[in-house]
Each structure stands twice: as structure tokens, then as C-alpha cells.
Amino acid sequence: MKISITLPDELAETVSRRADRDEFVLRAVTAALQRESPELSVPQVRHSKWARLVEKIEGAPTSLGDYREALKKDREDFRESFSFRSDEP
């Protein structure tokens, strides 16, 4: 479930810049609820595989590594063999 909360701008910007912002907020809220009511059972949340994939992508810098040159060549080959209608006289 998703909920919206209101935070001061500076705090919201700081949280939104974190690579693990959802996990960070989840841990903070869980800890706060447990401190407030230790007897309260707070269920552990297991993220879906898609949420974990998004976190992995957001948390890791984008790098093609050894595939950079191959991608560049593929893009050039595609562009040379394809023409857009706007390219036609």
C-alpha cells in the first residue's frame, strides 16, 4: 500500500535524494512505531522482486562496462540503415 505524508521541504528533499529512500523510510517508521509501542507487532515487509530491482537500479551507477563500444556500434549501424520520414526529401 502507498500513502502520502507531508514533510518539510528540506527533509523531503534529503530523503528523496537517498538511493534507498523507500527502505530508509520503512526502517524509520518501523523503529519509531516500535519505540512508541514496544508491544506492537510490526510486520516485516518483503519487497516484491520489481521493487528490489528498482532499488538495485536506483542504487547503482549506470555503467555498460564492456558493452559500451558494442552499443555505440549498434546505434551507428541502426542509424545508417534506417531513415525517418523527416530525413526523406
C-alpha atoms as a PDB file:
ATOM      1  CA  MET A   1       0.000   0.000   0.000  1.00  0.00           C
ATOM      2  CA  LYS A   2       1.169   3.504  -0.681  1.00  0.00           C
ATOM      3  CA  ILE A   3       0.384   6.514   1.473  1.00  0.00           C
ATOM      4  CA  SER A   4       1.242  10.160   1.140  1.00  0.00           C
ATOM      5  CA  ILE A   5       2.790  12.061   4.001  1.00  0.00           C
ATOM      6  CA  THR A   6       3.686  15.709   4.347  1.00  0.00           C
ATOM      7  CA  LEU A   7       7.236  16.634   5.337  1.00  0.00           C
ATOM      8  CA  PRO A   8       9.066  19.947   5.451  1.00  0.00           C
ATOM      9  CA  ASP A   9      10.631  20.668   2.052  1.00  0.00           C
ATOM     10  CA  GLU A  10      14.241  20.326   3.211  1.00  0.00           C
ATOM     11  CA  LEU A  11      13.576  16.990   4.909  1.00  0.00           C
ATOM     12  CA  ALA A  12      11.607  15.655   1.926  1.00  0.00           C
ATOM     13  CA  GLU A  13      14.416  16.638  -0.462  1.00  0.00           C
ATOM     14  CA  THR A  14      17.020  14.951   1.732  1.00  0.00           C
ATOM     15  CA  VAL A  15      15.009  11.729   1.883  1.00  0.00           C
ATOM     16  CA  SER A  16      14.206  11.770  -1.841  1.00  0.00           C
ATOM     17  CA  ARG A  17      17.920  12.030  -2.733  1.00  0.00           C
ATOM     18  CA  ARG A  18      18.676   8.735  -0.983  1.00  0.00           C
ATOM     19  CA  ALA A  19      19.148   5.744  -3.254  1.00  0.00           C
ATOM     20  CA  ASP A  20      17.308   3.556  -0.724  1.00  0.00           C
ATOM     21  CA  ARG A  21      14.617   6.067   0.190  1.00  0.00           C
ATOM     22  CA  ASP A  22      11.742   3.543   0.456  1.00  0.00           C
ATOM     23  CA  GLU A  23      13.761   1.176   2.620  1.00  0.00           C
ATOM     24  CA  PHE A  24      15.037   4.105   4.721  1.00  0.00           C
ATOM     25  CA  VAL A  25      11.532   5.407   5.400  1.00  0.00           C
ATOM     26  CA  LEU A  26      10.286   1.877   6.106  1.00  0.00           C
ATOM     27  CA  ARG A  27      13.045   1.317   8.695  1.00  0.00           C
ATOM     28  CA  ALA A  28      12.495   4.741  10.273  1.00  0.00           C
ATOM     29  CA  VAL A  29       8.743   4.316  10.616  1.00  0.00           C
ATOM     30  CA  THR A  30       9.108   0.745  11.894  1.00  0.00           C
ATOM     31  CA  ALA A  31      11.653   1.829  14.508  1.00  0.00           C
ATOM     32  CA  ALA A  32       9.507   4.784  15.577  1.00  0.00           C
ATOM     33  CA  LEU A  33       6.417   2.591  15.968  1.00  0.00           C
ATOM     34  CA  GLN A  34       8.346   0.016  17.998  1.00  0.00           C
ATOM     35  CA  ARG A  35       9.775   2.742  20.272  1.00  0.00           C
ATOM     36  CA  GLU A  36       6.314   4.238  20.749  1.00  0.00           C
ATOM     37  CA  SER A  37       4.595   0.919  21.431  1.00  0.00           C
ATOM     38  CA  PRO A  38       7.087  -1.895  22.067  1.00  0.00           C
ATOM     39  CA  GLU A  39       4.231  -4.377  22.439  1.00  0.00           C
ATOM     40  CA  LEU A  40       3.018  -3.517  18.928  1.00  0.00           C
ATOM     41  CA  SER A  41       3.895  -6.189  16.450  1.00  0.00           C
ATOM     42  CA  VAL A  42       5.161  -4.504  13.302  1.00  0.00           C
ATOM     43  CA  PRO A  43       5.203  -6.954  10.396  1.00  0.00           C
ATOM     44  CA  GLN A  44       8.379  -7.243   8.384  1.00  0.00           C
ATOM     45  CA  VAL A  45       7.766  -6.091   4.847  1.00  0.00           C
ATOM     46  CA  ARG A  46       9.156  -8.121   1.993  1.00  0.00           C
ATOM     47  CA  HIS A  47       9.550  -6.112  -1.168  1.00  0.00           C
ATOM     48  CA  SER A  48       8.426  -7.559  -4.478  1.00  0.00           C
ATOM     49  CA  LYS A  49      11.072  -8.575  -6.974  1.00  0.00           C
ATOM     50  CA  TRP A  50      10.181  -5.485  -9.029  1.00  0.00           C
ATOM     51  CA  ALA A  51      10.649  -3.155  -6.057  1.00  0.00           C
ATOM     52  CA  ARG A  52      14.021  -4.786  -5.332  1.00  0.00           C
ATOM     53  CA  LEU A  53      15.003  -4.381  -8.995  1.00  0.00           C
ATOM     54  CA  VAL A  54      14.111  -0.678  -8.896  1.00  0.00           C
ATOM     55  CA  GLU A  55      16.125  -0.228  -5.699  1.00  0.00           C
ATOM     56  CA  LYS A  56      19.097  -2.008  -7.283  1.00  0.00           C
ATOM     57  CA  ILE A  57      18.934   0.170 -10.393  1.00  0.00           C
ATOM     58  CA  GLU A  58      18.490   3.394  -8.429  1.00  0.00           C
ATOM     59  CA  GLY A  59      21.282   2.473  -6.020  1.00  0.00           C
ATOM     60  CA  ALA A  60      23.898   1.549  -8.600  1.00  0.00           C
ATOM     61  CA  PRO A  61      25.533   3.939 -11.019  1.00  0.00           C
ATOM     62  CA  THR A  62      24.679   3.222 -14.624  1.00  0.00           C
ATOM     63  CA  SER A  63      27.572   1.578 -16.384  1.00  0.00           C
ATOM     64  CA  LEU A  64      27.692  -0.507 -19.529  1.00  0.00           C
ATOM     65  CA  GLY A  65      31.203  -1.711 -18.873  1.00  0.00           C
ATOM     66  CA  ASP A  66      32.487  -3.829 -21.748  1.00  0.00           C
ATOM     67  CA  TYR A  67      29.262  -3.361 -23.719  1.00  0.00           C
ATOM     68  CA  ARG A  68      29.724   0.378 -24.278  1.00  0.00           C
ATOM     69  CA  GLU A  69      31.565   0.032 -27.598  1.00  0.00           C
ATOM     70  CA  ALA A  70      29.178  -2.639 -28.883  1.00  0.00           C
ATOM     71  CA  LEU A  71      26.187  -0.424 -28.065  1.00  0.00           C
ATOM     72  CA  LYS A  72      27.797   2.548 -29.795  1.00  0.00           C
ATOM     73  CA  LYS A  73      28.427   0.482 -32.937  1.00  0.00           C
ATOM     74  CA  ASP A  74      24.893  -0.966 -32.895  1.00  0.00           C
ATOM     75  CA  ARG A  75      23.403   2.537 -32.616  1.00  0.00           C
ATOM     76  CA  GLU A  76      25.510   3.787 -35.518  1.00  0.00           C
ATOM     77  CA  ASP A  77      24.617   0.770 -37.678  1.00  0.00           C
ATOM     78  CA  PHE A  78      20.932   1.225 -36.920  1.00  0.00           C
ATOM     79  CA  ARG A  79      21.005   4.929 -37.720  1.00  0.00           C
ATOM     80  CA  GLU A  80      22.819   4.326 -41.027  1.00  0.00           C
ATOM     81  CA  SER A  81      20.339   1.660 -42.138  1.00  0.00           C
ATOM     82  CA  PHE A  82      17.155   3.430 -41.012  1.00  0.00           C
ATOM     83  CA  SER A  83      15.624   6.593 -42.331  1.00  0.00           C
ATOM     84  CA  PHE A  84      12.953   8.680 -40.720  1.00  0.00           C
ATOM     85  CA  ARG A  85      10.244  10.295 -42.822  1.00  0.00           C
ATOM     86  CA  SER A  86      11.714  13.642 -41.877  1.00  0.00           C
ATOM     87  CA  ASP A  87      15.022  12.536 -43.485  1.00  0.00           C
ATOM     88  CA  GLU A  88      13.396  11.897 -46.849  1.00  0.00           C
ATOM     89  CA  PRO A  89      13.468  14.713 -49.437  1.00  0.00           C
END
